Amino acid sequence: MSRLISRVLGASIFLIVAVFGWANAQQGAGPFVLHSGKVITTMFTNEFGRDADARTEIVSVSPEIVSLQYSSTRGLFTRRDILVRDRQSARTYVLGYSARMPTVIPGSTSLGISSAVLQELRSNGRAPLTLIYSENLDRIDCNLTTTAVDTRVPLIVEDRIFDVPTVQARVNCASGNRTGTGQFIVANDVNNPVLIESTLNFSWEQRPRTNRVTRVVAGLGLQAEMRHALETLGTYDVYGLLFDFDSAQLRPETAQLVREIATMLQQNPNWTILIAGHTDSIGGAEYNMRLSERRAESVKQALISNGVAASRLQSVGHGMSKPKADNSTLAGRAINRRVEFRRTDR
């Protein structure tokens, strides 16, 4: 499947491909073909705090460079450029982002490992990889050992949950007196081997670093899909409404999605909507109930500010009482944190 088709068809092609199965990983099919406007949302934890969300937008793609814009609910905003030649052959992967890091780190990749490393994992069952683990560009040498091929893991593509084929590998690292162990789960797409999930236990850190891609959006809007779901099913779960950490304040990058939802509701003036907030299980039940209520009300007020009549909207919070997935995993918690739109005029 060519990148041209991906650009033209946008979100629709990802949903069609996801339903009928990705044909051959070597053809570059799947949700991670990079193009301007694509947004990859991740969830991460480390010794500096509990679950946090990050948003990586593909700003531009050229024959030489892929430019990224990164933000997190811990208040970080920064950019990074990845050289296309490094996406093909680099043996170094950068863990995380910092405003103090260079925009370009030659000889390294972000988002995922290189095509060369994935090919070695598939053909030889092992591959060397160096990790950059600090804003000072400190490095540790590692070996990856394949443990499974084409094992499928859940991923939210647009606002639907699909199983993505992956290559899984054990990670063993050592440099001087520093060691580390863990696991990588990589999209089995030789052109776009995005690191979907990682867990790393470093000897000098008290808590493991975990990172999980939770959602991929083509960047072309979800009005049509949301309208169809509300027309036919009467309900739709939105995962793109991001809030500040431990807060009901909608993040600035959510403004465009709020405007799209408001436009869709204005085009269907007979609908009345219940906005329901849902959380994961981190924190107590009473606290999560209050947080989900505040977040649902925040979405309601944002839609009113964008022209939707207040009389058409209600808000409610369910806290952690209605999970859709396992709260013991990063992926499960990401699925459970959602804002549900339900029609009440039916």
C-alpha atoms as a PDB file:
ATOM      1  CA  MET A   1       0.000   0.000   0.000  1.00  0.00           C
ATOM      2  CA  SER A   2       1.639   3.229  -1.036  1.00  0.00           C
ATOM      3  CA  ARG A   3       2.014   6.333   1.072  1.00  0.00           C
ATOM      4  CA  LEU A   4       0.043   8.243  -1.567  1.00  0.00           C
ATOM      5  CA  ILE A   5      -3.015   6.063  -0.944  1.00  0.00           C
ATOM      6  CA  SER A   6      -2.568   6.578   2.797  1.00  0.00           C
ATOM      7  CA  ARG A   7      -2.539  10.358   2.405  1.00  0.00           C
ATOM      8  CA  VAL A   8      -5.601  10.442   0.127  1.00  0.00           C
ATOM      9  CA  LEU A   9      -7.842   8.051   1.988  1.00  0.00           C
ATOM     10  CA  GLY A  10      -6.699   8.933   5.498  1.00  0.00           C
ATOM     11  CA  ALA A  11      -8.714   7.484   8.343  1.00  0.00           C
ATOM     12  CA  SER A  12     -10.990   5.321   6.180  1.00  0.00           C
ATOM     13  CA  ILE A  13      -8.205   3.176   4.802  1.00  0.00           C
ATOM     14  CA  PHE A  14      -6.885   2.440   8.277  1.00  0.00           C
ATOM     15  CA  LEU A  15     -10.281   1.235   9.423  1.00  0.00           C
ATOM     16  CA  ILE A  16     -10.798  -0.919   6.331  1.00  0.00           C
ATOM     17  CA  VAL A  17      -7.352  -2.462   6.590  1.00  0.00           C
ATOM     18  CA  ALA A  18      -7.808  -3.089  10.308  1.00  0.00           C
ATOM     19  CA  VAL A  19     -11.072  -4.937   9.794  1.00  0.00           C
ATOM     20  CA  PHE A  20      -9.892  -7.197   6.985  1.00  0.00           C
ATOM     21  CA  GLY A  21      -6.361  -7.761   8.251  1.00  0.00           C
ATOM     22  CA  TRP A  22      -2.961  -6.390   7.334  1.00  0.00           C
ATOM     23  CA  ALA A  23      -1.734  -8.397   4.422  1.00  0.00           C
ATOM     24  CA  ASN A  24       2.025  -8.517   4.579  1.00  0.00           C
ATOM     25  CA  ALA A  25       4.092  -6.560   7.103  1.00  0.00           C
ATOM     26  CA  GLN A  26       6.751  -5.968   4.459  1.00  0.00           C
ATOM     27  CA  GLN A  27       4.304  -4.017   2.314  1.00  0.00           C
ATOM     28  CA  GLY A  28       4.125  -1.250   4.931  1.00  0.00           C
ATOM     29  CA  ALA A  29       0.395  -1.693   5.570  1.00  0.00           C
ATOM     30  CA  GLY A  30      -1.042  -0.965   8.984  1.00  0.00           C
ATOM     31  CA  PRO A  31      -1.740   2.042  11.168  1.00  0.00           C
ATOM     32  CA  PHE A  32       1.786   3.480  11.371  1.00  0.00           C
ATOM     33  CA  VAL A  33       2.432   4.767   7.843  1.00  0.00           C
ATOM     34  CA  LEU A  34       3.750   8.261   8.649  1.00  0.00           C
ATOM     35  CA  HIS A  35       2.246  11.382   7.092  1.00  0.00           C
ATOM     36  CA  SER A  36       1.694  14.980   8.129  1.00  0.00           C
ATOM     37  CA  GLY A  37      -1.052  15.345  10.707  1.00  0.00           C
ATOM     38  CA  LYS A  38      -0.898  11.819  12.088  1.00  0.00           C
ATOM     39  CA  VAL A  39      -1.081  11.747  15.889  1.00  0.00           C
ATOM     40  CA  ILE A  40       0.271   8.923  18.064  1.00  0.00           C
ATOM     41  CA  THR A  41      -0.842   8.963  21.699  1.00  0.00           C
ATOM     42  CA  THR A  42       1.160   7.124  24.335  1.00  0.00           C
ATOM     43  CA  MET A  43       0.842   6.393  28.033  1.00  0.00           C
ATOM     44  CA  PHE A  44       3.920   6.140  30.231  1.00  0.00           C
ATOM     45  CA  THR A  45       5.149   5.721  33.789  1.00  0.00           C
ATOM     46  CA  ASN A  46       8.566   6.086  35.397  1.00  0.00           C
ATOM     47  CA  GLU A  47      10.157   6.942  38.735  1.00  0.00           C
ATOM     48  CA  PHE A  48       9.084  10.582  38.379  1.00  0.00           C
ATOM     49  CA  GLY A  49       5.350   9.892  38.634  1.00  0.00           C
ATOM     50  CA  ARG A  50       2.347   7.716  37.890  1.00  0.00           C
ATOM     51  CA  ASP A  51       0.520   7.285  34.567  1.00  0.00           C
ATOM     52  CA  ALA A  52       0.896  10.194  32.169  1.00  0.00           C
ATOM     53  CA  ASP A  53      -0.168  10.735  28.555  1.00  0.00           C
ATOM     54  CA  ALA A  54       1.916  11.997  25.661  1.00  0.00           C
ATOM     55  CA  ARG A  55       0.963  13.164  22.194  1.00  0.00           C
ATOM     56  CA  THR A  56       3.319  12.954  19.212  1.00  0.00           C
ATOM     57  CA  GLU A  57       2.179  14.662  16.023  1.00  0.00           C
ATOM     58  CA  ILE A  58       3.890  14.115  12.681  1.00  0.00           C
ATOM     59  CA  VAL A  59       4.451  17.705  11.591  1.00  0.00           C
ATOM     60  CA  SER A  60       6.012  16.923   8.211  1.00  0.00           C
ATOM     61  CA  VAL A  61       7.508  14.074   6.212  1.00  0.00           C
ATOM     62  CA  SER A  62      10.134  14.628   3.514  1.00  0.00           C
ATOM     63  CA  PRO A  63      12.563  12.292   1.718  1.00  0.00           C
ATOM     64  CA  GLU A  64      15.199  13.308   4.279  1.00  0.00           C
ATOM     65  CA  ILE A  65      13.470  14.068   7.601  1.00  0.00           C
ATOM     66  CA  VAL A  66      10.416  13.160   9.667  1.00  0.00           C
ATOM     67  CA  SER A  67       9.563  16.068  12.008  1.00  0.00           C
ATOM     68  CA  LEU A  68       7.730  15.425  15.269  1.00  0.00           C
ATOM     69  CA  GLN A  69       6.033  17.656  17.821  1.00  0.00           C
ATOM     70  CA  TYR A  70       5.786  16.124  21.289  1.00  0.00           C
ATOM     71  CA  SER A  71       3.776  17.137  24.353  1.00  0.00           C
ATOM     72  CA  SER A  72       2.917  15.382  27.600  1.00  0.00           C
ATOM     73  CA  THR A  73       0.510  15.848  30.494  1.00  0.00           C
ATOM     74  CA  ARG A  74       3.570  16.525  32.659  1.00  0.00           C
ATOM     75  CA  GLY A  75       3.968  19.854  30.883  1.00  0.00           C
ATOM     76  CA  LEU A  76       6.667  19.084  28.323  1.00  0.00           C
ATOM     77  CA  PHE A  77       6.514  20.562  24.809  1.00  0.00           C
ATOM     78  CA  THR A  78       9.363  19.904  22.386  1.00  0.00           C
ATOM     79  CA  ARG A  79      10.250  18.902  18.829  1.00  0.00           C
ATOM     80  CA  ARG A  80      12.420  16.249  17.272  1.00  0.00           C
ATOM     81  CA  ASP A  81      13.558  15.503  13.728  1.00  0.00           C
ATOM     82  CA  ILE A  82      14.425  11.952  12.673  1.00  0.00           C
ATOM     83  CA  LEU A  83      16.611  11.400   9.627  1.00  0.00           C
ATOM     84  CA  VAL A  84      14.973   9.017   7.160  1.00  0.00           C
ATOM     85  CA  ARG A  85      18.265   7.173   6.658  1.00  0.00           C
ATOM     86  CA  ASP A  86      18.363   6.544  10.420  1.00  0.00           C
ATOM     87  CA  ARG A  87      14.834   5.123  10.351  1.00  0.00           C
ATOM     88  CA  GLN A  88      16.218   2.608   7.870  1.00  0.00           C
ATOM     89  CA  SER A  89      19.483   1.587   9.504  1.00  0.00           C
ATOM     90  CA  ALA A  90      20.259   3.220  12.898  1.00  0.00           C
ATOM     91  CA  ARG A  91      21.348   1.028  15.808  1.00  0.00           C
ATOM     92  CA  THR A  92      20.458   3.541  18.534  1.00  0.00           C
ATOM     93  CA  TYR A  93      17.028   4.315  19.986  1.00  0.00           C
ATOM     94  CA  VAL A  94      16.225   7.406  22.084  1.00  0.00           C
ATOM     95  CA  LEU A  95      14.059   6.783  25.156  1.00  0.00           C
ATOM     96  CA  GLY A  96      11.795   9.731  25.801  1.00  0.00           C
ATOM     97  CA  TYR A  97      11.986  13.443  25.125  1.00  0.00           C
ATOM     98  CA  SER A  98      13.453  16.520  26.779  1.00  0.00           C
ATOM     99  CA  ALA A  99      13.596  20.163  25.771  1.00  0.00           C
ATOM    100  CA  ARG A 100      17.331  19.986  26.525  1.00  0.00           C
ATOM    101  CA  MET A 101      17.947  17.310  23.906  1.00  0.00           C
ATOM    102  CA  PRO A 102      19.043  18.322  20.396  1.00  0.00           C
ATOM    103  CA  THR A 103      16.296  18.471  17.799  1.00  0.00           C
ATOM    104  CA  VAL A 104      18.308  16.064  15.644  1.00  0.00           C
ATOM    105  CA  ILE A 105      20.295  13.193  17.177  1.00  0.00           C
ATOM    106  CA  PRO A 106      22.118  11.678  14.167  1.00  0.00           C
ATOM    107  CA  GLY A 107      22.453   7.910  14.108  1.00  0.00           C
ATOM    108  CA  SER A 108      19.340   7.348  16.235  1.00  0.00           C
ATOM    109  CA  THR A 109      15.620   6.783  15.936  1.00  0.00           C
ATOM    110  CA  SER A 110      12.564   7.792  17.949  1.00  0.00           C
ATOM    111  CA  LEU A 111       9.013   6.363  17.744  1.00  0.00           C
ATOM    112  CA  GLY A 112      10.440   2.973  16.795  1.00  0.00           C
ATOM    113  CA  ILE A 113      13.484   0.904  16.016  1.00  0.00           C
ATOM    114  CA  SER A 114      14.997   0.976  12.530  1.00  0.00           C
ATOM    115  CA  SER A 115      13.969  -1.279   9.667  1.00  0.00           C
ATOM    116  CA  ALA A 116      17.372  -3.010   9.837  1.00  0.00           C
ATOM    117  CA  VAL A 117      16.935  -3.945  13.512  1.00  0.00           C
ATOM    118  CA  LEU A 118      13.412  -5.304  12.906  1.00  0.00           C
ATOM    119  CA  GLN A 119      14.622  -7.375   9.952  1.00  0.00           C
ATOM    120  CA  GLU A 120      17.355  -8.907  12.124  1.00  0.00           C
ATOM    121  CA  LEU A 121      14.854  -9.749  14.839  1.00  0.00           C
ATOM    122  CA  ARG A 122      12.660 -11.490  12.283  1.00  0.00           C
ATOM    123  CA  SER A 123      15.433 -13.330  10.437  1.00  0.00           C
ATOM    124  CA  ASN A 124      18.099 -13.989  13.103  1.00  0.00           C
ATOM    125  CA  GLY A 125      16.085 -13.846  16.297  1.00  0.00           C
ATOM    126  CA  ARG A 126      18.406 -11.251  17.834  1.00  0.00           C
ATOM    127  CA  ALA A 127      19.857  -7.787  17.213  1.00  0.00           C
ATOM    128  CA  PRO A 128      22.140  -5.303  19.015  1.00  0.00           C
ATOM    129  CA  LEU A 129      20.678  -1.919  19.991  1.00  0.00           C
ATOM    130  CA  THR A 130      22.044   1.029  21.952  1.00  0.00           C
ATOM    131  CA  LEU A 131      19.629   3.031  24.107  1.00  0.00           C
ATOM    132  CA  ILE A 132      19.967   6.750  24.875  1.00  0.00           C
ATOM    133  CA  TYR A 133      18.288   7.048  28.267  1.00  0.00           C
ATOM    134  CA  SER A 134      18.871  10.618  29.515  1.00  0.00           C
ATOM    135  CA  GLU A 135      18.731  14.228  28.350  1.00  0.00           C
ATOM    136  CA  ASN A 136      22.554  14.191  28.566  1.00  0.00           C
ATOM    137  CA  LEU A 137      22.492  11.526  25.823  1.00  0.00           C
ATOM    138  CA  ASP A 138      23.937   8.829  28.125  1.00  0.00           C
ATOM    139  CA  ARG A 139      23.966   5.440  26.436  1.00  0.00           C
ATOM    140  CA  ILE A 140      23.733   1.779  27.336  1.00  0.00           C
ATOM    141  CA  ASP A 141      24.397  -1.164  24.987  1.00  0.00           C
ATOM    142  CA  CYS A 142      21.680  -3.796  24.725  1.00  0.00           C
ATOM    143  CA  ASN A 143      20.836  -7.026  22.951  1.00  0.00           C
ATOM    144  CA  LEU A 144      17.318  -7.805  21.744  1.00  0.00           C
ATOM    145  CA  THR A 145      16.195 -11.439  21.538  1.00  0.00           C
ATOM    146  CA  THR A 146      12.993 -12.335  19.686  1.00  0.00           C
ATOM    147  CA  THR A 147      10.388 -14.076  21.836  1.00  0.00           C
ATOM    148  CA  ALA A 148       7.326 -13.970  19.538  1.00  0.00           C
ATOM    149  CA  VAL A 149       6.406 -12.985  15.982  1.00  0.00           C
ATOM    150  CA  ASP A 150       2.994 -11.772  14.788  1.00  0.00           C
ATOM    151  CA  THR A 151       1.490 -11.820  18.263  1.00  0.00           C
ATOM    152  CA  ARG A 152      -1.364  -9.320  18.160  1.00  0.00           C
ATOM    153  CA  VAL A 153      -1.894  -6.574  20.731  1.00  0.00           C
ATOM    154  CA  PRO A 154      -4.870  -4.171  21.123  1.00  0.00           C
ATOM    155  CA  LEU A 155      -4.530  -0.632  19.819  1.00  0.00           C
ATOM    156  CA  ILE A 156      -7.072   2.160  19.392  1.00  0.00           C
ATOM    157  CA  VAL A 157      -7.050   3.161  15.706  1.00  0.00           C
ATOM    158  CA  GLU A 158      -9.113   6.334  15.440  1.00  0.00           C
ATOM    159  CA  ASP A 159     -11.701   5.415  18.116  1.00  0.00           C
ATOM    160  CA  ARG A 160     -12.002   1.676  17.450  1.00  0.00           C
ATOM    161  CA  ILE A 161     -10.002  -1.106  19.092  1.00  0.00           C
ATOM    162  CA  PHE A 162      -8.053  -3.427  16.763  1.00  0.00           C
ATOM    163  CA  ASP A 163      -5.377  -6.078  17.169  1.00  0.00           C
ATOM    164  CA  VAL A 164      -2.027  -5.164  15.602  1.00  0.00           C
ATOM    165  CA  PRO A 165       0.596  -7.793  14.548  1.00  0.00           C
ATOM    166  CA  THR A 166       3.861  -7.333  16.436  1.00  0.00           C
ATOM    167  CA  VAL A 167       7.338  -8.708  17.029  1.00  0.00           C
ATOM    168  CA  GLN A 168       8.190  -9.109  20.704  1.00  0.00           C
ATOM    169  CA  ALA A 169      11.723  -9.154  22.080  1.00  0.00           C
ATOM    170  CA  ARG A 170      13.507  -9.542  25.395  1.00  0.00           C
ATOM    171  CA  VAL A 171      15.941  -6.712  26.228  1.00  0.00           C
ATOM    172  CA  ASN A 172      19.238  -7.200  28.100  1.00  0.00           C
ATOM    173  CA  CYS A 173      21.577  -4.223  28.621  1.00  0.00           C
ATOM    174  CA  ALA A 174      24.978  -3.659  30.215  1.00  0.00           C
ATOM    175  CA  SER A 175      27.529  -0.823  30.131  1.00  0.00           C
ATOM    176  CA  GLY A 176      30.122  -0.706  32.906  1.00  0.00           C
ATOM    177  CA  ASN A 177      28.361  -1.242  36.224  1.00  0.00           C
ATOM    178  CA  ARG A 178      24.966  -0.309  34.808  1.00  0.00           C
ATOM    179  CA  THR A 179      22.520  -2.990  33.681  1.00  0.00           C
ATOM    180  CA  GLY A 180      18.977  -3.248  32.467  1.00  0.00           C
ATOM    181  CA  THR A 181      16.351  -5.763  31.437  1.00  0.00           C
ATOM    182  CA  GLY A 182      12.947  -5.511  29.844  1.00  0.00           C
ATOM    183  CA  GLN A 183      10.721  -6.145  26.842  1.00  0.00           C
ATOM    184  CA  PHE A 184       9.967  -4.438  23.523  1.00  0.00           C
ATOM    185  CA  ILE A 185       6.796  -4.949  21.479  1.00  0.00           C
ATOM    186  CA  VAL A 186       7.285  -3.565  17.956  1.00  0.00           C
ATOM    187  CA  ALA A 187       4.826  -3.207  15.077  1.00  0.00           C
ATOM    188  CA  ASN A 188       5.642  -5.941  12.547  1.00  0.00           C
ATOM    189  CA  ASP A 189       5.939  -3.431   9.707  1.00  0.00           C
ATOM    190  CA  VAL A 190       9.404  -3.225   8.196  1.00  0.00           C
ATOM    191  CA  ASN A 191       8.783   0.296   6.874  1.00  0.00           C
ATOM    192  CA  ASN A 192       7.333   1.617  10.130  1.00  0.00           C
ATOM    193  CA  PRO A 193       8.519  -0.525  13.083  1.00  0.00           C
ATOM    194  CA  VAL A 194       6.977   1.667  15.781  1.00  0.00           C
ATOM    195  CA  LEU A 195       7.699   0.660  19.364  1.00  0.00           C
ATOM    196  CA  ILE A 196       4.189  -0.061  20.622  1.00  0.00           C
ATOM    197  CA  GLU A 197       5.137  -1.062  24.151  1.00  0.00           C
ATOM    198  CA  SER A 198       8.281  -1.145  26.251  1.00  0.00           C
ATOM    199  CA  THR A 199       9.153  -2.042  29.822  1.00  0.00           C
ATOM    200  CA  LEU A 200      12.687  -1.341  31.050  1.00  0.00           C
ATOM    201  CA  ASN A 201      14.139  -1.980  34.503  1.00  0.00           C
ATOM    202  CA  PHE A 202      17.433  -0.124  34.916  1.00  0.00           C
ATOM    203  CA  SER A 203      19.707  -0.930  37.863  1.00  0.00           C
ATOM    204  CA  TRP A 204      20.096   2.755  38.823  1.00  0.00           C
ATOM    205  CA  GLU A 205      16.351   3.531  38.870  1.00  0.00           C
ATOM    206  CA  GLN A 206      13.860   2.535  41.553  1.00  0.00           C
ATOM    207  CA  ARG A 207      10.866   2.079  39.255  1.00  0.00           C
ATOM    208  CA  PRO A 208      10.610   0.579  35.765  1.00  0.00           C
ATOM    209  CA  ARG A 209      10.061   2.771  32.728  1.00  0.00           C
ATOM    210  CA  THR A 210       6.948   1.717  30.847  1.00  0.00           C
ATOM    211  CA  ASN A 211       5.603   3.154  27.622  1.00  0.00           C
ATOM    212  CA  ARG A 212       2.574   2.093  25.562  1.00  0.00           C
ATOM    213  CA  VAL A 213       1.128   3.453  22.328  1.00  0.00           C
ATOM    214  CA  THR A 214      -2.580   3.632  23.005  1.00  0.00           C
ATOM    215  CA  ARG A 215      -4.103   5.415  20.012  1.00  0.00           C
ATOM    216  CA  VAL A 216      -3.321   6.341  16.419  1.00  0.00           C
ATOM    217  CA  VAL A 217      -5.270   9.031  14.560  1.00  0.00           C
ATOM    218  CA  ALA A 218      -4.887   9.869  10.887  1.00  0.00           C
ATOM    219  CA  GLY A 219      -5.394  13.557  11.610  1.00  0.00           C
ATOM    220  CA  LEU A 220      -8.314  14.022   9.200  1.00  0.00           C
ATOM    221  CA  GLY A 221     -11.144  14.345  11.724  1.00  0.00           C
ATOM    222  CA  LEU A 222     -13.735  11.924  13.069  1.00  0.00           C
ATOM    223  CA  GLN A 223     -17.004  13.714  12.307  1.00  0.00           C
ATOM    224  CA  ALA A 224     -18.301  11.131   9.821  1.00  0.00           C
ATOM    225  CA  GLU A 225     -17.507   8.116  11.992  1.00  0.00           C
ATOM    226  CA  MET A 226     -18.918   9.663  15.152  1.00  0.00           C
ATOM    227  CA  ARG A 227     -22.079  10.783  13.333  1.00  0.00           C
ATOM    228  CA  HIS A 228     -22.603   7.279  11.919  1.00  0.00           C
ATOM    229  CA  ALA A 229     -22.140   5.633  15.329  1.00  0.00           C
ATOM    230  CA  LEU A 230     -24.566   8.001  17.019  1.00  0.00           C
ATOM    231  CA  GLU A 231     -27.085   7.549  14.186  1.00  0.00           C
ATOM    232  CA  THR A 232     -26.978   3.753  14.297  1.00  0.00           C
ATOM    233  CA  LEU A 233     -25.812   2.715  17.767  1.00  0.00           C
ATOM    234  CA  GLY A 234     -26.672   5.823  19.731  1.00  0.00           C
ATOM    235  CA  THR A 235     -23.321   5.839  21.525  1.00  0.00           C
ATOM    236  CA  TYR A 236     -19.687   6.651  20.790  1.00  0.00           C
ATOM    237  CA  ASP A 237     -16.522   6.572  22.913  1.00  0.00           C
ATOM    238  CA  VAL A 238     -14.083   9.431  22.306  1.00  0.00           C
ATOM    239  CA  TYR A 239     -10.436   8.887  23.241  1.00  0.00           C
ATOM    240  CA  GLY A 240      -8.940  12.056  21.803  1.00  0.00           C
ATOM    241  CA  LEU A 241     -10.181  14.442  24.494  1.00  0.00           C
ATOM    242  CA  LEU A 242      -7.028  14.926  26.574  1.00  0.00           C
ATOM    243  CA  PHE A 243      -6.911  16.581  29.984  1.00  0.00           C
ATOM    244  CA  ASP A 244      -4.107  18.046  32.045  1.00  0.00           C
ATOM    245  CA  PHE A 245      -2.617  15.596  34.523  1.00  0.00           C
ATOM    246  CA  ASP A 246      -4.952  14.932  37.475  1.00  0.00           C
ATOM    247  CA  SER A 247      -7.254  17.692  36.211  1.00  0.00           C
ATOM    248  CA  ALA A 248     -10.476  18.406  34.332  1.00  0.00           C
ATOM    249  CA  GLN A 249      -8.796  21.096  32.221  1.00  0.00           C
ATOM    250  CA  LEU A 250      -8.906  20.180  28.523  1.00  0.00           C
ATOM    251  CA  ARG A 251      -5.510  20.411  26.870  1.00  0.00           C
ATOM    252  CA  PRO A 252      -4.995  22.993  24.074  1.00  0.00           C
ATOM    253  CA  GLU A 253      -4.380  20.345  21.404  1.00  0.00           C
ATOM    254  CA  THR A 254      -7.932  19.060  22.042  1.00  0.00           C
ATOM    255  CA  ALA A 255      -9.544  22.290  20.803  1.00  0.00           C
ATOM    256  CA  GLN A 256      -9.821  21.166  17.177  1.00  0.00           C
ATOM    257  CA  LEU A 257     -11.547  17.908  18.143  1.00  0.00           C
ATOM    258  CA  VAL A 258     -14.005  19.822  20.345  1.00  0.00           C
ATOM    259  CA  ARG A 259     -14.825  22.086  17.387  1.00  0.00           C
ATOM    260  CA  GLU A 260     -15.397  19.055  15.138  1.00  0.00           C
ATOM    261  CA  ILE A 261     -17.758  17.454  17.655  1.00  0.00           C
ATOM    262  CA  ALA A 262     -19.624  20.745  18.098  1.00  0.00           C
ATOM    263  CA  THR A 263     -20.029  21.103  14.319  1.00  0.00           C
ATOM    264  CA  MET A 264     -21.372  17.567  14.031  1.00  0.00           C
ATOM    265  CA  LEU A 265     -23.904  18.189  16.823  1.00  0.00           C
ATOM    266  CA  GLN A 266     -24.989  21.483  15.261  1.00  0.00           C
ATOM    267  CA  GLN A 267     -25.645  19.610  12.020  1.00  0.00           C
ATOM    268  CA  ASN A 268     -27.983  17.248  13.922  1.00  0.00           C
ATOM    269  CA  PRO A 269     -30.055  19.728  15.961  1.00  0.00           C
ATOM    270  CA  ASN A 270     -32.671  17.197  17.115  1.00  0.00           C
ATOM    271  CA  TRP A 271     -30.152  15.127  19.050  1.00  0.00           C
ATOM    272  CA  THR A 272     -29.760  15.457  22.798  1.00  0.00           C
ATOM    273  CA  ILE A 273     -26.571  14.055  24.291  1.00  0.00           C
ATOM    274  CA  LEU A 274     -25.447  12.626  27.625  1.00  0.00           C
ATOM    275  CA  ILE A 275     -21.684  13.115  28.100  1.00  0.00           C
ATOM    276  CA  ALA A 276     -20.294  10.451  30.445  1.00  0.00           C
ATOM    277  CA  GLY A 277     -16.795  10.529  31.915  1.00  0.00           C
ATOM    278  CA  HIS A 278     -14.935   7.289  32.655  1.00  0.00           C
ATOM    279  CA  THR A 279     -11.594   6.761  34.408  1.00  0.00           C
ATOM    280  CA  ASP A 280      -9.169   3.922  35.010  1.00  0.00           C
ATOM    281  CA  SER A 281      -8.620   2.433  38.478  1.00  0.00           C
ATOM    282  CA  ILE A 282      -5.627   4.563  39.499  1.00  0.00           C
ATOM    283  CA  GLY A 283      -6.746   6.406  42.645  1.00  0.00           C
ATOM    284  CA  GLY A 284      -9.735   5.773  44.891  1.00  0.00           C
ATOM    285  CA  ALA A 285     -13.276   5.151  43.700  1.00  0.00           C
ATOM    286  CA  GLU A 286     -14.665   8.357  45.220  1.00  0.00           C
ATOM    287  CA  TYR A 287     -11.864  10.500  43.813  1.00  0.00           C
ATOM    288  CA  ASN A 288     -12.266   8.986  40.316  1.00  0.00           C
ATOM    289  CA  MET A 289     -16.014   9.535  40.440  1.00  0.00           C
ATOM    290  CA  ARG A 290     -15.513  13.248  41.139  1.00  0.00           C
ATOM    291  CA  LEU A 291     -12.783  13.536  38.494  1.00  0.00           C
ATOM    292  CA  SER A 292     -14.953  11.858  35.842  1.00  0.00           C
ATOM    293  CA  GLU A 293     -17.864  14.179  36.702  1.00  0.00           C
ATOM    294  CA  ARG A 294     -15.645  17.259  36.404  1.00  0.00           C
ATOM    295  CA  ARG A 295     -14.172  16.092  33.108  1.00  0.00           C
ATOM    296  CA  ALA A 296     -17.584  15.351  31.595  1.00  0.00           C
ATOM    297  CA  GLU A 297     -18.790  18.799  32.702  1.00  0.00           C
ATOM    298  CA  SER A 298     -15.645  20.372  31.208  1.00  0.00           C
ATOM    299  CA  VAL A 299     -16.413  18.771  27.832  1.00  0.00           C
ATOM    300  CA  LYS A 300     -20.020  19.942  28.077  1.00  0.00           C
ATOM    301  CA  GLN A 301     -18.942  23.537  28.742  1.00  0.00           C
ATOM    302  CA  ALA A 302     -16.426  23.422  25.883  1.00  0.00           C
ATOM    303  CA  LEU A 303     -19.162  22.331  23.467  1.00  0.00           C
ATOM    304  CA  ILE A 304     -21.464  25.090  24.730  1.00  0.00           C
ATOM    305  CA  SER A 305     -18.644  27.586  24.134  1.00  0.00           C
ATOM    306  CA  ASN A 306     -18.494  26.284  20.557  1.00  0.00           C
ATOM    307  CA  GLY A 307     -22.177  26.940  19.877  1.00  0.00           C
ATOM    308  CA  VAL A 308     -24.062  23.830  21.067  1.00  0.00           C
ATOM    309  CA  ALA A 309     -27.201  24.730  23.023  1.00  0.00           C
ATOM    310  CA  ALA A 310     -26.831  23.955  26.733  1.00  0.00           C
ATOM    311  CA  SER A 311     -30.366  22.495  26.803  1.00  0.00           C
ATOM    312  CA  ARG A 312     -29.208  19.645  24.532  1.00  0.00           C
ATOM    313  CA  LEU A 313     -26.394  18.479  26.798  1.00  0.00           C
ATOM    314  CA  GLN A 314     -26.153  16.635  30.102  1.00  0.00           C
ATOM    315  CA  SER A 315     -23.042  15.357  31.861  1.00  0.00           C
ATOM    316  CA  VAL A 316     -22.400  12.547  34.309  1.00  0.00           C
ATOM    317  CA  GLY A 317     -19.403  10.726  35.752  1.00  0.00           C
ATOM    318  CA  HIS A 318     -19.042   6.976  36.182  1.00  0.00           C
ATOM    319  CA  GLY A 319     -15.531   6.987  37.591  1.00  0.00           C
ATOM    320  CA  MET A 320     -13.919   3.545  37.449  1.00  0.00           C
ATOM    321  CA  SER A 321     -17.226   1.635  37.708  1.00  0.00           C
ATOM    322  CA  LYS A 322     -17.579   0.675  34.022  1.00  0.00           C
ATOM    323  CA  PRO A 323     -14.230  -0.598  32.716  1.00  0.00           C
ATOM    324  CA  LYS A 324     -13.959  -1.954  29.172  1.00  0.00           C
ATOM    325  CA  ALA A 325     -10.498  -3.512  29.625  1.00  0.00           C
ATOM    326  CA  ASP A 326      -8.009  -4.784  32.207  1.00  0.00           C
ATOM    327  CA  ASN A 327      -6.896  -1.995  34.534  1.00  0.00           C
ATOM    328  CA  SER A 328      -3.694  -3.856  35.419  1.00  0.00           C
ATOM    329  CA  THR A 329      -2.075  -2.881  32.075  1.00  0.00           C
ATOM    330  CA  LEU A 330      -1.190   0.461  30.486  1.00  0.00           C
ATOM    331  CA  ALA A 331      -3.203  -0.452  27.385  1.00  0.00           C
ATOM    332  CA  GLY A 332      -6.226  -1.438  29.448  1.00  0.00           C
ATOM    333  CA  ARG A 333      -6.159   1.737  31.510  1.00  0.00           C
ATOM    334  CA  ALA A 334      -5.921   3.805  28.317  1.00  0.00           C
ATOM    335  CA  ILE A 335      -9.034   2.081  26.933  1.00  0.00           C
ATOM    336  CA  ASN A 336     -10.920   2.698  30.170  1.00  0.00           C
ATOM    337  CA  ARG A 337     -10.134   6.447  30.254  1.00  0.00           C
ATOM    338  CA  ARG A 338     -12.696   7.785  27.820  1.00  0.00           C
ATOM    339  CA  VAL A 339     -15.551  10.224  27.291  1.00  0.00           C
ATOM    340  CA  GLU A 340     -18.745   8.538  26.139  1.00  0.00           C
ATOM    341  CA  PHE A 341     -21.358  10.359  24.068  1.00  0.00           C
ATOM    342  CA  ARG A 342     -24.826   8.823  24.277  1.00  0.00           C
ATOM    343  CA  ARG A 343     -27.993  10.043  22.572  1.00  0.00           C
ATOM    344  CA  THR A 344     -30.938  10.551  24.902  1.00  0.00           C
ATOM    345  CA  ASP A 345     -33.520  11.511  22.261  1.00  0.00           C
ATOM    346  CA  ARG A 346     -33.918   7.967  20.918  1.00  0.00           C
END
